């Protein structure tokens, strides 16, 4: 049940982003100087992360939706990893954080696809 382990990571990301949005993006060199910017991080990383965690937990308990949820979340993680790979054509980035998170996203996507 890889979905529960991945749900824990999404929940951790979500809670961290809600509590400390500036710290969430600090490793990427992004500063959040306005309330609007912090609100965006809370929404996209916080709220979305918690929602994905909840959907993964739900999928682990309701077999009828499991396949669809795992494919959907796996596709989202694949898209995130692919977006990071695109940066290789435009930017030179260090292993951490870009490639570290690319690897995490790719491994999580593969685990979800493999669990279908």
PDB file of N, CA and C in Angstrom:
ATOM      1  N   UNK A   1       0.830  -1.202   0.000  1.00  0.00           N
ATOM      2  CA  UNK A   1       0.000   0.000   0.000  1.00  0.00           C
ATOM      3  C   UNK A   1       0.869   1.259   0.000  1.00  0.00           C
ATOM      4  N   UNK A   2       1.517   1.455  -1.111  1.00  0.00           N
ATOM      5  CA  UNK A   2       2.376   2.626  -1.282  1.00  0.00           C
ATOM      6  C   UNK A   2       1.602   3.928  -1.144  1.00  0.00           C
ATOM      7  N   UNK A   3       0.295   3.874  -1.445  1.00  0.00           N
ATOM      8  CA  UNK A   3      -0.470   5.116  -1.403  1.00  0.00           C
ATOM      9  C   UNK A   3      -0.495   5.734  -0.006  1.00  0.00           C
ATOM     10  N   UNK A   4      -0.459   4.919   1.037  1.00  0.00           N
ATOM     11  CA  UNK A   4      -0.474   5.486   2.392  1.00  0.00           C
ATOM     12  C   UNK A   4       0.856   6.153   2.733  1.00  0.00           C
ATOM     13  N   UNK A   5       1.945   5.564   2.311  1.00  0.00           N
ATOM     14  CA  UNK A   5       3.257   6.183   2.536  1.00  0.00           C
ATOM     15  C   UNK A   5       3.343   7.510   1.781  1.00  0.00           C
ATOM     16  N   UNK A   6       2.893   7.514   0.547  1.00  0.00           N
ATOM     17  CA  UNK A   6       2.919   8.741  -0.248  1.00  0.00           C
ATOM     18  C   UNK A   6       1.956   9.776   0.332  1.00  0.00           C
ATOM     19  N   UNK A   7       0.843   9.321   0.885  1.00  0.00           N
ATOM     20  CA  UNK A   7      -0.099  10.234   1.557  1.00  0.00           C
ATOM     21  C   UNK A   7       0.560  10.937   2.739  1.00  0.00           C
ATOM     22  N   UNK A   8       1.399  10.222   3.468  1.00  0.00           N
ATOM     23  CA  UNK A   8       2.112  10.825   4.604  1.00  0.00           C
ATOM     24  C   UNK A   8       3.017  11.960   4.115  1.00  0.00           C
ATOM     25  N   UNK A   9       3.705  11.744   3.016  1.00  0.00           N
ATOM     26  CA  UNK A   9       4.565  12.805   2.470  1.00  0.00           C
ATOM     27  C   UNK A   9       3.754  14.013   2.024  1.00  0.00           C
ATOM     28  N   UNK A  10       2.626  13.774   1.342  1.00  0.00           N
ATOM     29  CA  UNK A  10       1.781  14.891   0.926  1.00  0.00           C
ATOM     30  C   UNK A  10       1.213  15.627   2.140  1.00  0.00           C
ATOM     31  N   UNK A  11       0.807  14.880   3.161  1.00  0.00           N
ATOM     32  CA  UNK A  11       0.271  15.523   4.369  1.00  0.00           C
ATOM     33  C   UNK A  11       1.348  16.357   5.054  1.00  0.00           C
ATOM     34  N   UNK A  12       2.560  15.822   5.136  1.00  0.00           N
ATOM     35  CA  UNK A  12       3.658  16.582   5.732  1.00  0.00           C
ATOM     36  C   UNK A  12       3.952  17.855   4.969  1.00  0.00           C
ATOM     37  N   UNK A  13       3.989  17.753   3.640  1.00  0.00           N
ATOM     38  CA  UNK A  13       4.208  18.933   2.813  1.00  0.00           C
ATOM     39  C   UNK A  13       3.094  19.940   3.020  1.00  0.00           C
ATOM     40  N   UNK A  14       1.862  19.457   3.034  1.00  0.00           N
ATOM     41  CA  UNK A  14       0.721  20.343   3.198  1.00  0.00           C
ATOM     42  C   UNK A  14       0.728  21.071   4.525  1.00  0.00           C
ATOM     43  N   UNK A  15       0.967  20.348   5.587  1.00  0.00           N
ATOM     44  CA  UNK A  15       0.987  20.973   6.915  1.00  0.00           C
ATOM     45  C   UNK A  15       2.137  21.973   7.042  1.00  0.00           C
ATOM     46  N   UNK A  16       3.293  21.609   6.519  1.00  0.00           N
ATOM     47  CA  UNK A  16       4.449  22.502   6.572  1.00  0.00           C
ATOM     48  C   UNK A  16       4.175  23.781   5.790  1.00  0.00           C
ATOM     49  N   UNK A  17       3.589  23.645   4.612  1.00  0.00           N
ATOM     50  CA  UNK A  17       3.288  24.819   3.786  1.00  0.00           C
ATOM     51  C   UNK A  17       2.248  25.720   4.443  1.00  0.00           C
ATOM     52  N   UNK A  18       1.276  25.140   5.105  1.00  0.00           N
ATOM     53  CA  UNK A  18       0.276  25.951   5.804  1.00  0.00           C
ATOM     54  C   UNK A  18       0.895  26.704   6.972  1.00  0.00           C
ATOM     55  N   UNK A  19       1.773  26.023   7.696  1.00  0.00           N
ATOM     56  CA  UNK A  19       2.364  26.621   8.894  1.00  0.00           C
ATOM     57  C   UNK A  19       3.505  27.589   8.592  1.00  0.00           C
ATOM     58  N   UNK A  20       4.300  27.294   7.567  1.00  0.00           N
ATOM     59  CA  UNK A  20       5.502  28.092   7.302  1.00  0.00           C
ATOM     60  C   UNK A  20       5.731  28.213   5.798  1.00  0.00           C
ATOM     61  N   UNK A  21       4.877  28.969   5.108  1.00  0.00           N
ATOM     62  CA  UNK A  21       4.997  29.030   3.644  1.00  0.00           C
ATOM     63  C   UNK A  21       6.343  29.563   3.152  1.00  0.00           C
ATOM     64  N   UNK A  22       6.904  30.541   3.819  1.00  0.00           N
ATOM     65  CA  UNK A  22       8.197  31.084   3.376  1.00  0.00           C
ATOM     66  C   UNK A  22       9.300  30.039   3.521  1.00  0.00           C
ATOM     67  N   UNK A  23       9.283  29.310   4.612  1.00  0.00           N
ATOM     68  CA  UNK A  23      10.282  28.268   4.829  1.00  0.00           C
ATOM     69  C   UNK A  23      10.124  27.140   3.813  1.00  0.00           C
ATOM     70  N   UNK A  24       8.902  26.892   3.393  1.00  0.00           N
ATOM     71  CA  UNK A  24       8.638  25.839   2.419  1.00  0.00           C
ATOM     72  C   UNK A  24       9.392  26.083   1.113  1.00  0.00           C
ATOM     73  N   UNK A  25       9.445  27.323   0.677  1.00  0.00           N
ATOM     74  CA  UNK A  25      10.078  27.638  -0.608  1.00  0.00           C
ATOM     75  C   UNK A  25      11.502  28.151  -0.495  1.00  0.00           C
ATOM     76  N   UNK A  26      11.977  28.366   0.719  1.00  0.00           N
ATOM     77  CA  UNK A  26      13.332  28.888   0.905  1.00  0.00           C
ATOM     78  C   UNK A  26      14.399  28.066   0.180  1.00  0.00           C
ATOM     79  N   UNK A  27      14.348  26.721   0.189  1.00  0.00           N
ATOM     80  CA  UNK A  27      15.385  25.960  -0.507  1.00  0.00           C
ATOM     81  C   UNK A  27      15.455  26.246  -2.006  1.00  0.00           C
ATOM     82  N   UNK A  28      14.374  26.780  -2.572  1.00  0.00           N
ATOM     83  CA  UNK A  28      14.333  27.082  -3.998  1.00  0.00           C
ATOM     84  C   UNK A  28      14.736  28.517  -4.302  1.00  0.00           C
ATOM     85  N   UNK A  29      15.096  29.268  -3.267  1.00  0.00           N
ATOM     86  CA  UNK A  29      15.515  30.647  -3.464  1.00  0.00           C
ATOM     87  C   UNK A  29      14.366  31.608  -3.696  1.00  0.00           C
ATOM     88  N   UNK A  30      13.162  31.206  -3.337  1.00  0.00           N
ATOM     89  CA  UNK A  30      11.985  32.044  -3.511  1.00  0.00           C
ATOM     90  C   UNK A  30      11.698  32.757  -2.198  1.00  0.00           C
ATOM     91  N   UNK A  31      11.489  34.059  -2.267  1.00  0.00           N
ATOM     92  CA  UNK A  31      11.102  34.803  -1.077  1.00  0.00           C
ATOM     93  C   UNK A  31       9.630  35.190  -1.200  1.00  0.00           C
ATOM     94  N   UNK A  32       8.962  35.177  -0.098  1.00  0.00           N
ATOM     95  CA  UNK A  32       7.539  35.495  -0.066  1.00  0.00           C
ATOM     96  C   UNK A  32       7.356  36.773   0.743  1.00  0.00           C
ATOM     97  N   UNK A  33       7.336  37.885   0.037  1.00  0.00           N
ATOM     98  CA  UNK A  33       7.316  39.189   0.690  1.00  0.00           C
ATOM     99  C   UNK A  33       5.921  39.739   0.960  1.00  0.00           C
ATOM    100  N   UNK A  34       4.902  39.090   0.436  1.00  0.00           N
ATOM    101  CA  UNK A  34       3.545  39.612   0.617  1.00  0.00           C
ATOM    102  C   UNK A  34       2.617  38.532   1.144  1.00  0.00           C
ATOM    103  N   UNK A  35       1.533  38.992   1.715  1.00  0.00           N
ATOM    104  CA  UNK A  35       0.514  38.056   2.175  1.00  0.00           C
ATOM    105  C   UNK A  35      -0.083  37.270   1.023  1.00  0.00           C
ATOM    106  N   UNK A  36      -0.194  37.896  -0.128  1.00  0.00           N
ATOM    107  CA  UNK A  36      -0.725  37.212  -1.305  1.00  0.00           C
ATOM    108  C   UNK A  36       0.187  36.063  -1.715  1.00  0.00           C
ATOM    109  N   UNK A  37       1.487  36.286  -1.684  1.00  0.00           N
ATOM    110  CA  UNK A  37       2.441  35.229  -2.038  1.00  0.00           C
ATOM    111  C   UNK A  37       2.370  34.076  -1.046  1.00  0.00           C
ATOM    112  N   UNK A  38       2.297  34.397   0.239  1.00  0.00           N
ATOM    113  CA  UNK A  38       2.201  33.339   1.252  1.00  0.00           C
ATOM    114  C   UNK A  38       0.880  32.582   1.116  1.00  0.00           C
ATOM    115  N   UNK A  39      -0.180  33.292   0.782  1.00  0.00           N
ATOM    116  CA  UNK A  39      -1.477  32.654   0.573  1.00  0.00           C
ATOM    117  C   UNK A  39      -1.418  31.667  -0.591  1.00  0.00           C
ATOM    118  N   UNK A  40      -0.703  32.036  -1.651  1.00  0.00           N
ATOM    119  CA  UNK A  40      -0.566  31.145  -2.814  1.00  0.00           C
ATOM    120  C   UNK A  40       0.149  29.853  -2.431  1.00  0.00           C
ATOM    121  N   UNK A  41       1.206  29.958  -1.648  1.00  0.00           N
ATOM    122  CA  UNK A  41       1.928  28.760  -1.218  1.00  0.00           C
ATOM    123  C   UNK A  41       1.040  27.908  -0.314  1.00  0.00           C
ATOM    124  N   UNK A  42       0.315  28.555   0.582  1.00  0.00           N
ATOM    125  CA  UNK A  42      -0.593  27.795   1.449  1.00  0.00           C
ATOM    126  C   UNK A  42      -1.649  27.059   0.633  1.00  0.00           C
ATOM    127  N   UNK A  43      -2.140  27.694  -0.428  1.00  0.00           N
ATOM    128  CA  UNK A  43      -3.161  27.058  -1.258  1.00  0.00           C
ATOM    129  C   UNK A  43      -2.578  25.911  -2.081  1.00  0.00           C
ATOM    130  N   UNK A  44      -1.503  26.199  -2.827  1.00  0.00           N
ATOM    131  CA  UNK A  44      -0.991  25.226  -3.788  1.00  0.00           C
ATOM    132  C   UNK A  44      -0.211  24.098  -3.115  1.00  0.00           C
ATOM    133  N   UNK A  45       0.636  24.426  -2.177  1.00  0.00           N
ATOM    134  CA  UNK A  45       1.401  23.385  -1.493  1.00  0.00           C
ATOM    135  C   UNK A  45       0.647  22.852  -0.271  1.00  0.00           C
ATOM    136  N   UNK A  46      -0.006  23.739   0.452  1.00  0.00           N
ATOM    137  CA  UNK A  46      -0.694  23.329   1.672  1.00  0.00           C
ATOM    138  C   UNK A  46      -2.009  22.632   1.420  1.00  0.00           C
ATOM    139  N   UNK A  47      -2.965  23.381   0.906  1.00  0.00           N
ATOM    140  CA  UNK A  47      -4.296  22.818   0.684  1.00  0.00           C
ATOM    141  C   UNK A  47      -4.294  21.663  -0.298  1.00  0.00           C
ATOM    142  N   UNK A  48      -3.575  21.838  -1.400  1.00  0.00           N
ATOM    143  CA  UNK A  48      -3.502  20.772  -2.401  1.00  0.00           C
ATOM    144  C   UNK A  48      -2.831  19.533  -1.819  1.00  0.00           C
ATOM    145  N   UNK A  49      -1.738  19.724  -1.082  1.00  0.00           N
ATOM    146  CA  UNK A  49      -1.047  18.580  -0.479  1.00  0.00           C
ATOM    147  C   UNK A  49      -1.942  17.801   0.463  1.00  0.00           C
ATOM    148  N   UNK A  50      -2.698  18.504   1.297  1.00  0.00           N
ATOM    149  CA  UNK A  50      -3.609  17.822   2.220  1.00  0.00           C
ATOM    150  C   UNK A  50      -4.740  17.134   1.469  1.00  0.00           C
ATOM    151  N   UNK A  51      -5.234  17.765   0.404  1.00  0.00           N
ATOM    152  CA  UNK A  51      -6.299  17.143  -0.384  1.00  0.00           C
ATOM    153  C   UNK A  51      -5.815  15.857  -1.045  1.00  0.00           C
ATOM    154  N   UNK A  52      -4.610  15.889  -1.601  1.00  0.00           N
ATOM    155  CA  UNK A  52      -4.063  14.680  -2.234  1.00  0.00           C
ATOM    156  C   UNK A  52      -3.839  13.589  -1.186  1.00  0.00           C
ATOM    157  N   UNK A  53      -3.365  13.968  -0.028  1.00  0.00           N
ATOM    158  CA  UNK A  53      -3.198  12.986   1.060  1.00  0.00           C
ATOM    159  C   UNK A  53      -4.536  12.341   1.404  1.00  0.00           C
ATOM    160  N   UNK A  54      -5.574  13.147   1.518  1.00  0.00           N
ATOM    161  CA  UNK A  54      -6.903  12.631   1.857  1.00  0.00           C
ATOM    162  C   UNK A  54      -7.427  11.690   0.766  1.00  0.00           C
ATOM    163  N   UNK A  55      -7.231  12.060  -0.484  1.00  0.00           N
ATOM    164  CA  UNK A  55      -7.692  11.224  -1.599  1.00  0.00           C
ATOM    165  C   UNK A  55      -6.944   9.881  -1.601  1.00  0.00           C
ATOM    166  N   UNK A  56      -5.656   9.915  -1.321  1.00  0.00           N
ATOM    167  CA  UNK A  56      -4.886   8.669  -1.281  1.00  0.00           C
ATOM    168  C   UNK A  56      -5.344   7.773  -0.136  1.00  0.00           C
ATOM    169  N   UNK A  57      -5.627   8.352   1.013  1.00  0.00           N
ATOM    170  CA  UNK A  57      -6.148   7.559   2.133  1.00  0.00           C
ATOM    171  C   UNK A  57      -7.505   6.967   1.766  1.00  0.00           C
ATOM    172  N   UNK A  58      -8.363   7.785   1.172  1.00  0.00           N
ATOM    173  CA  UNK A  58      -9.682   7.313   0.734  1.00  0.00           C
ATOM    174  C   UNK A  58      -9.525   6.148  -0.250  1.00  0.00           C
ATOM    175  N   UNK A  59      -8.621   6.296  -1.208  1.00  0.00           N
ATOM    176  CA  UNK A  59      -8.410   5.244  -2.206  1.00  0.00           C
ATOM    177  C   UNK A  59      -7.933   3.947  -1.574  1.00  0.00           C
ATOM    178  N   UNK A  60      -7.189   4.051  -0.489  1.00  0.00           N
ATOM    179  CA  UNK A  60      -6.704   2.843   0.183  1.00  0.00           C
ATOM    180  C   UNK A  60      -7.840   2.082   0.865  1.00  0.00           C
ATOM    181  N   UNK A  61      -8.955   2.777   1.096  1.00  0.00           N
ATOM    182  CA  UNK A  61     -10.091   2.168   1.795  1.00  0.00           C
ATOM    183  C   UNK A  61     -11.267   1.828   0.884  1.00  0.00           C
ATOM    184  N   UNK A  62     -11.279   2.384  -0.309  1.00  0.00           N
ATOM    185  CA  UNK A  62     -12.404   2.172  -1.229  1.00  0.00           C
ATOM    186  C   UNK A  62     -11.852   1.596  -2.533  1.00  0.00           C
ATOM    187  N   UNK A  63     -11.902   0.281  -2.681  1.00  0.00           N
ATOM    188  CA  UNK A  63     -11.285  -0.369  -3.847  1.00  0.00           C
ATOM    189  C   UNK A  63     -11.836   0.117  -5.193  1.00  0.00           C
ATOM    190  N   UNK A  64     -13.070   0.537  -5.224  1.00  0.00           N
ATOM    191  CA  UNK A  64     -13.685   0.952  -6.488  1.00  0.00           C
ATOM    192  C   UNK A  64     -13.016   2.185  -7.090  1.00  0.00           C
ATOM    193  N   UNK A  65     -12.397   3.009  -6.275  1.00  0.00           N
ATOM    194  CA  UNK A  65     -11.771   4.234  -6.792  1.00  0.00           C
ATOM    195  C   UNK A  65     -10.246   4.157  -6.802  1.00  0.00           C
ATOM    196  N   UNK A  66      -9.707   3.112  -6.232  1.00  0.00           N
ATOM    197  CA  UNK A  66      -8.256   3.035  -6.028  1.00  0.00           C
ATOM    198  C   UNK A  66      -7.469   3.204  -7.323  1.00  0.00           C
ATOM    199  N   UNK A  67      -7.806   2.453  -8.344  1.00  0.00           N
ATOM    200  CA  UNK A  67      -7.046   2.510  -9.596  1.00  0.00           C
ATOM    201  C   UNK A  67      -7.059   3.912 -10.183  1.00  0.00           C
ATOM    202  N   UNK A  68      -8.218   4.522 -10.254  1.00  0.00           N
ATOM    203  CA  UNK A  68      -8.317   5.868 -10.820  1.00  0.00           C
ATOM    204  C   UNK A  68      -7.527   6.896 -10.032  1.00  0.00           C
ATOM    205  N   UNK A  69      -7.584   6.804  -8.718  1.00  0.00           N
ATOM    206  CA  UNK A  69      -6.851   7.753  -7.874  1.00  0.00           C
ATOM    207  C   UNK A  69      -5.345   7.554  -8.033  1.00  0.00           C
ATOM    208  N   UNK A  70      -4.897   6.306  -8.019  1.00  0.00           N
ATOM    209  CA  UNK A  70      -3.457   6.053  -8.144  1.00  0.00           C
ATOM    210  C   UNK A  70      -2.935   6.529  -9.496  1.00  0.00           C
ATOM    211  N   UNK A  71      -3.696   6.312 -10.561  1.00  0.00           N
ATOM    212  CA  UNK A  71      -3.276   6.793 -11.880  1.00  0.00           C
ATOM    213  C   UNK A  71      -3.249   8.317 -11.910  1.00  0.00           C
ATOM    214  N   UNK A  72      -4.263   8.946 -11.339  1.00  0.00           N
ATOM    215  CA  UNK A  72      -4.343  10.408 -11.352  1.00  0.00           C
ATOM    216  C   UNK A  72      -3.198  11.044 -10.563  1.00  0.00           C
ATOM    217  N   UNK A  73      -2.966  10.559  -9.360  1.00  0.00           N
ATOM    218  CA  UNK A  73      -1.891  11.132  -8.541  1.00  0.00           C
ATOM    219  C   UNK A  73      -0.530  10.782  -9.143  1.00  0.00           C
ATOM    220  N   UNK A  74      -0.399   9.581  -9.673  1.00  0.00           N
ATOM    221  CA  UNK A  74       0.851   9.219 -10.354  1.00  0.00           C
ATOM    222  C   UNK A  74       1.121  10.124 -11.545  1.00  0.00           C
ATOM    223  N   UNK A  75       0.073  10.448 -12.303  1.00  0.00           N
ATOM    224  CA  UNK A  75       0.226  11.356 -13.445  1.00  0.00           C
ATOM    225  C   UNK A  75       0.624  12.752 -12.982  1.00  0.00           C
ATOM    226  N   UNK A  76       0.019  13.222 -11.893  1.00  0.00           N
ATOM    227  CA  UNK A  76       0.372  14.549 -11.367  1.00  0.00           C
ATOM    228  C   UNK A  76       1.833  14.583 -10.932  1.00  0.00           C
ATOM    229  N   UNK A  77       2.277  13.548 -10.238  1.00  0.00           N
ATOM    230  CA  UNK A  77       3.681  13.492  -9.812  1.00  0.00           C
ATOM    231  C   UNK A  77       4.618  13.390 -11.012  1.00  0.00           C
ATOM    232  N   UNK A  78       4.218  12.641 -12.030  1.00  0.00           N
ATOM    233  CA  UNK A  78       5.029  12.547 -13.247  1.00  0.00           C
ATOM    234  C   UNK A  78       5.156  13.907 -13.919  1.00  0.00           C
ATOM    235  N   UNK A  79       4.057  14.648 -13.934  1.00  0.00           N
ATOM    236  CA  UNK A  79       4.095  15.993 -14.514  1.00  0.00           C
ATOM    237  C   UNK A  79       5.017  16.916 -13.742  1.00  0.00           C
ATOM    238  N   UNK A  80       5.006  16.805 -12.426  1.00  0.00           N
ATOM    239  CA  UNK A  80       5.900  17.621 -11.615  1.00  0.00           C
ATOM    240  C   UNK A  80       7.358  17.275 -11.925  1.00  0.00           C
ATOM    241  N   UNK A  81       7.660  15.985 -11.979  1.00  0.00           N
ATOM    242  CA  UNK A  81       9.032  15.566 -12.290  1.00  0.00           C
ATOM    243  C   UNK A  81       9.429  16.020 -13.691  1.00  0.00           C
ATOM    244  N   UNK A  82       8.518  15.893 -14.644  1.00  0.00           N
ATOM    245  CA  UNK A  82       8.817  16.313 -16.021  1.00  0.00           C
ATOM    246  C   UNK A  82       9.091  17.809 -16.088  1.00  0.00           C
ATOM    247  N   UNK A  83       8.350  18.587 -15.328  1.00  0.00           N
ATOM    248  CA  UNK A  83       8.602  20.029 -15.299  1.00  0.00           C
ATOM    249  C   UNK A  83       9.999  20.349 -14.806  1.00  0.00           C
ATOM    250  N   UNK A  84      10.480  19.573 -13.866  1.00  0.00           N
ATOM    251  CA  UNK A  84      11.842  19.776 -13.373  1.00  0.00           C
ATOM    252  C   UNK A  84      12.868  19.365 -14.428  1.00  0.00           C
ATOM    253  N   UNK A  85      12.575  18.312 -15.166  1.00  0.00           N
ATOM    254  CA  UNK A  85      13.490  17.861 -16.215  1.00  0.00           C
ATOM    255  C   UNK A  85      13.599  18.918 -17.313  1.00  0.00           C
ATOM    256  N   UNK A  86      12.510  19.578 -17.626  1.00  0.00           N
ATOM    257  CA  UNK A  86      12.533  20.625 -18.647  1.00  0.00           C
ATOM    258  C   UNK A  86      13.553  21.696 -18.291  1.00  0.00           C
ATOM    259  N   UNK A  87      13.733  21.929 -17.005  1.00  0.00           N
ATOM    260  CA  UNK A  87      14.676  22.972 -16.587  1.00  0.00           C
ATOM    261  C   UNK A  87      16.104  22.684 -17.023  1.00  0.00           C
ATOM    262  N   UNK A  88      16.423  21.425 -17.304  1.00  0.00           N
ATOM    263  CA  UNK A  88      17.776  21.089 -17.735  1.00  0.00           C
ATOM    264  C   UNK A  88      18.102  21.765 -19.070  1.00  0.00           C
ATOM    265  N   UNK A  89      17.088  22.088 -19.858  1.00  0.00           N
ATOM    266  CA  UNK A  89      17.299  22.735 -21.144  1.00  0.00           C
ATOM    267  C   UNK A  89      17.433  24.253 -21.023  1.00  0.00           C
ATOM    268  N   UNK A  90      17.073  24.784 -19.868  1.00  0.00           N
ATOM    269  CA  UNK A  90      17.065  26.232 -19.688  1.00  0.00           C
ATOM    270  C   UNK A  90      17.920  26.704 -18.516  1.00  0.00           C
ATOM    271  N   UNK A  91      18.120  25.859 -17.549  1.00  0.00           N
ATOM    272  CA  UNK A  91      18.804  26.248 -16.305  1.00  0.00           C
ATOM    273  C   UNK A  91      19.797  25.171 -15.898  1.00  0.00           C
ATOM    274  N   UNK A  92      20.797  25.589 -15.193  1.00  0.00           N
ATOM    275  CA  UNK A  92      21.668  24.631 -14.507  1.00  0.00           C
ATOM    276  C   UNK A  92      21.272  24.682 -13.048  1.00  0.00           C
ATOM    277  N   UNK A  93      20.811  23.565 -12.542  1.00  0.00           N
ATOM    278  CA  UNK A  93      20.358  23.537 -11.154  1.00  0.00           C
ATOM    279  C   UNK A  93      21.150  22.498 -10.372  1.00  0.00           C
ATOM    280  N   UNK A  94      21.293  22.772  -9.104  1.00  0.00           N
ATOM    281  CA  UNK A  94      21.998  21.852  -8.215  1.00  0.00           C
ATOM    282  C   UNK A  94      21.132  20.620  -7.950  1.00  0.00           C
ATOM    283  N   UNK A  95      21.774  19.566  -7.446  1.00  0.00           N
ATOM    284  CA  UNK A  95      21.009  18.358  -7.117  1.00  0.00           C
ATOM    285  C   UNK A  95      19.888  18.689  -6.140  1.00  0.00           C
ATOM    286  N   UNK A  96      20.232  19.404  -5.073  1.00  0.00           N
ATOM    287  CA  UNK A  96      19.198  19.786  -4.108  1.00  0.00           C
ATOM    288  C   UNK A  96      18.898  21.258  -4.295  1.00  0.00           C
ATOM    289  N   UNK A  97      17.662  21.632  -4.434  1.00  0.00           N
ATOM    290  CA  UNK A  97      16.464  20.835  -4.244  1.00  0.00           C
ATOM    291  C   UNK A  97      15.879  20.252  -5.535  1.00  0.00           C
ATOM    292  N   UNK A  98      16.219  20.800  -6.691  1.00  0.00           N
ATOM    293  CA  UNK A  98      15.522  20.437  -7.930  1.00  0.00           C
ATOM    294  C   UNK A  98      15.575  18.949  -8.240  1.00  0.00           C
ATOM    295  N   UNK A  99      16.777  18.399  -8.338  1.00  0.00           N
ATOM    296  CA  UNK A  99      16.876  17.006  -8.767  1.00  0.00           C
ATOM    297  C   UNK A  99      16.493  16.042  -7.656  1.00  0.00           C
ATOM    298  N   UNK A 100      16.706  16.430  -6.413  1.00  0.00           N
ATOM    299  CA  UNK A 100      16.252  15.599  -5.298  1.00  0.00           C
ATOM    300  C   UNK A 100      14.744  15.404  -5.367  1.00  0.00           C
ATOM    301  N   UNK A 101      14.003  16.505  -5.531  1.00  0.00           N
ATOM    302  CA  UNK A 101      12.545  16.397  -5.585  1.00  0.00           C
ATOM    303  C   UNK A 101      12.083  15.748  -6.880  1.00  0.00           C
ATOM    304  N   UNK A 102      12.817  15.926  -7.965  1.00  0.00           N
ATOM    305  CA  UNK A 102      12.501  15.231  -9.210  1.00  0.00           C
ATOM    306  C   UNK A 102      12.563  13.720  -8.978  1.00  0.00           C
ATOM    307  N   UNK A 103      13.601  13.279  -8.299  1.00  0.00           N
ATOM    308  CA  UNK A 103      13.754  11.859  -7.995  1.00  0.00           C
ATOM    309  C   UNK A 103      12.627  11.369  -7.084  1.00  0.00           C
ATOM    310  N   UNK A 104      12.308  12.121  -6.044  1.00  0.00           N
ATOM    311  CA  UNK A 104      11.225  11.748  -5.131  1.00  0.00           C
ATOM    312  C   UNK A 104       9.904  11.627  -5.896  1.00  0.00           C
ATOM    313  N   UNK A 105       9.622  12.612  -6.742  1.00  0.00           N
ATOM    314  CA  UNK A 105       8.365  12.600  -7.506  1.00  0.00           C
ATOM    315  C   UNK A 105       8.324  11.433  -8.482  1.00  0.00           C
ATOM    316  N   UNK A 106       9.432  11.167  -9.162  1.00  0.00           N
ATOM    317  CA  UNK A 106       9.471  10.067 -10.126  1.00  0.00           C
ATOM    318  C   UNK A 106       9.314   8.714  -9.435  1.00  0.00           C
ATOM    319  N   UNK A 107       9.980   8.531  -8.303  1.00  0.00           N
ATOM    320  CA  UNK A 107       9.870   7.267  -7.569  1.00  0.00           C
ATOM    321  C   UNK A 107       8.453   7.082  -7.038  1.00  0.00           C
ATOM    322  N   UNK A 108       7.860   8.136  -6.506  1.00  0.00           N
ATOM    323  CA  UNK A 108       6.489   8.040  -5.994  1.00  0.00           C
ATOM    324  C   UNK A 108       5.511   7.733  -7.128  1.00  0.00           C
ATOM    325  N   UNK A 109       5.690   8.382  -8.273  1.00  0.00           N
ATOM    326  CA  UNK A 109       4.824   8.105  -9.418  1.00  0.00           C
ATOM    327  C   UNK A 109       4.958   6.656  -9.854  1.00  0.00           C
ATOM    328  N   UNK A 110       6.185   6.182  -9.947  1.00  0.00           N
ATOM    329  CA  UNK A 110       6.406   4.787 -10.362  1.00  0.00           C
ATOM    330  C   UNK A 110       5.774   3.820  -9.369  1.00  0.00           C
ATOM    331  N   UNK A 111       5.879   4.130  -8.078  1.00  0.00           N
ATOM    332  CA  UNK A 111       5.272   3.263  -7.060  1.00  0.00           C
ATOM    333  C   UNK A 111       3.759   3.222  -7.218  1.00  0.00           C
ATOM    334  N   UNK A 112       3.145   4.375  -7.477  1.00  0.00           N
ATOM    335  CA  UNK A 112       1.700   4.412  -7.649  1.00  0.00           C
ATOM    336  C   UNK A 112       1.279   3.681  -8.917  1.00  0.00           C
ATOM    337  N   UNK A 113       1.987   3.932 -10.023  1.00  0.00           N
ATOM    338  CA  UNK A 113       1.656   3.228 -11.267  1.00  0.00           C
ATOM    339  C   UNK A 113       1.857   1.713 -11.105  1.00  0.00           C
ATOM    340  N   UNK A 114       2.910   1.348 -10.394  1.00  0.00           N
ATOM    341  CA  UNK A 114       3.185  -0.073 -10.181  1.00  0.00           C
ATOM    342  C   UNK A 114       2.170  -0.751  -9.278  1.00  0.00           C
ATOM    343  N   UNK A 115       1.484   0.028  -8.457  1.00  0.00           N
ATOM    344  CA  UNK A 115       0.491  -0.531  -7.546  1.00  0.00           C
ATOM    345  C   UNK A 115      -0.883  -0.693  -8.188  1.00  0.00           C
ATOM    346  N   UNK A 116      -1.011  -0.213  -9.405  1.00  0.00           N
ATOM    347  CA  UNK A 116      -2.325  -0.303 -10.098  1.00  0.00           C
ATOM    348  C   UNK A 116      -2.554  -1.724 -10.535  1.00  0.00           C
TER     349      UNK A 116
END
